[in-house]
Amino acid sequence: MKNSFICIVLWQAIFVTVCFANEFDPRFACDFSRDLCNWKNTNTSVMFKRNMGETGIDDTGPTAGHTDGSNTDYYIYLETYGSPRYAGLVSPKMGSACVVACFRFWYHMYGQYVNRIEVGLNHDNHPLFNRSGDNGNMWKCATVPITSCNDKQIYIRAYESQEGIKSQIAFDDLALAYVDNKLQCSETVCEVNGSDFTSSTIAMTSTTRTVSTLPVTSSTTLDFVPSSSGPPTTSTPTSRREPQ
């Protein structure tokens, strides 16, 4: 898939089509099909495990990954043993010129004794995102706007439960894009599945609707390719007024 602009329509007094050219950073993309990509386990005593299909314990954990939903689709999960510990992942550093970024991921928290997850920036004691308890037997999407992100790293943590083993937590399909405004990191991003997110399909608000896609001359492939590296592509945003 080639890099592209996404045009969205904002309903005000008139229709206005706005095209955003956000910068996807392939170093952060991971569907765990081969390994952890550029992410690293931070806790050597409790680590996330790659898995496909069921986890082997009834009434907890996913039955398949989120990427394509098949029983050969990989994801990572925390296998709990009833101890007060957590597994953590840490990302590469974000770009030195980064001002605002949008981090998107999918999580699965199903089980009677599920504890909690946290997502934040290194050296920051206040998570940017957290969830706790049983969230249902389904994959859910989260988008996290990150400001002042230059040279920062993202951490993901999943905490074990001391109550019982029906408490497994899983993650899949991590992605990050540099954006112009944190409002662009909305729930609309969750409507974009898999590698489509890497085509700069970040909308301004959840009330916008996509109307067209304009191709860009760049031939950069923006799929979820494990262990990708290199700088993100750069484009220039444009806008035009629609007839009333």
Foldseek 3Di string as FASTA:
>chain_A
DAAWWFWWWDDDVATWIWTFRWWWFLQFWAQCLPHPFQKDKPDPVWAWDKAFADPPDPFADARGGDQPRDRSRIWIKGFADQDFDKIKIKGFADAQPFFKKKKKKKKAWTFQFAAKKFKPWPPDPDGQDMDGDHPDHDIDMDIGMDGPRRRIMMMIMGTHHNPDRRHMMIIGTIIMIGGDDSLLRECVLVVQGFQSSQSVPGHNHPPIDTDDMGGDPDGDDRGSDGNDHDGTDDDDIDIDGDDD
